[in-house]
């Protein structure tokens, strides 16, 4: 995912399906949530009222 986002926090993540991203155990889910949400909204890929869920 770093290839798409340019953010090093995505080094240990991998898109595995439509709307699914798997991450390694060293990934800070709170940081990923904030950065990915900002990245998606900045590119108008999700609407302002959409909810990004990290689990």
Protein backbone atom coordinates (compact mmCIF):
# COMPACT_ATOMS: atom_id res chain seq x y z
CA UNK A 1 0.00 0.00 0.00
CA UNK A 2 2.93 2.37 0.41
CA UNK A 3 3.14 2.40 -3.37
CA UNK A 4 -0.32 4.01 -3.49
CA UNK A 5 -0.22 6.22 -0.41
CA UNK A 6 3.46 7.15 -0.13
CA UNK A 7 3.18 6.66 3.64
CA UNK A 8 5.68 4.42 5.43
CA UNK A 9 3.04 3.34 7.96
CA UNK A 10 1.55 1.20 5.17
CA UNK A 11 4.75 -0.85 4.70
CA UNK A 12 3.26 -3.90 6.41
CA UNK A 13 -0.17 -3.80 4.78
CA UNK A 14 -1.55 -5.62 1.77
CA UNK A 15 -4.85 -5.18 -0.08
CA UNK A 16 -6.48 -8.61 -0.21
CA UNK A 17 -9.87 -7.85 -1.70
CA UNK A 18 -12.42 -5.16 -2.42
CA UNK A 19 -12.51 -3.08 0.75
CA UNK A 20 -10.16 -5.43 2.63
CA UNK A 21 -6.66 -4.56 3.81
CA UNK A 22 -4.58 -6.97 5.88
CA UNK A 23 -1.83 -5.69 8.14
CA UNK A 24 1.09 -7.08 10.09
CA UNK A 25 1.10 -7.17 13.88
CA UNK A 26 3.40 -4.13 14.17
CA UNK A 27 0.91 -1.83 12.42
CA UNK A 28 -0.66 0.86 14.62
CA UNK A 29 -4.35 0.54 13.72
CA UNK A 30 -5.24 4.01 15.05
CA UNK A 31 -2.57 5.63 12.88
CA UNK A 32 -3.58 3.57 9.84
CA UNK A 33 -7.21 4.55 10.35
CA UNK A 34 -6.47 8.27 10.50
CA UNK A 35 -4.01 8.28 7.60
CA UNK A 36 -6.04 6.01 5.31
CA UNK A 37 -9.26 7.92 5.96
CA UNK A 38 -7.52 11.21 5.17
CA UNK A 39 -5.96 9.72 2.02
CA UNK A 40 -9.29 8.30 0.78
CA UNK A 41 -11.22 11.49 1.49
CA UNK A 42 -8.54 13.65 -0.11
CA UNK A 43 -8.97 11.72 -3.35
CA UNK A 44 -12.78 11.75 -3.07
CA UNK A 45 -12.76 7.94 -2.95
CA UNK A 46 -15.19 7.89 0.00
CA UNK A 47 -17.95 10.34 0.80
CA UNK A 48 -17.86 12.72 3.74
CA UNK A 49 -20.49 10.68 5.59
CA UNK A 50 -18.83 7.29 4.96
CA UNK A 51 -17.44 5.40 7.95
CA UNK A 52 -14.04 3.72 7.69
CA UNK A 53 -13.91 0.71 9.99
CA UNK A 54 -10.63 -0.86 11.11
CA UNK A 55 -10.83 -4.19 12.93
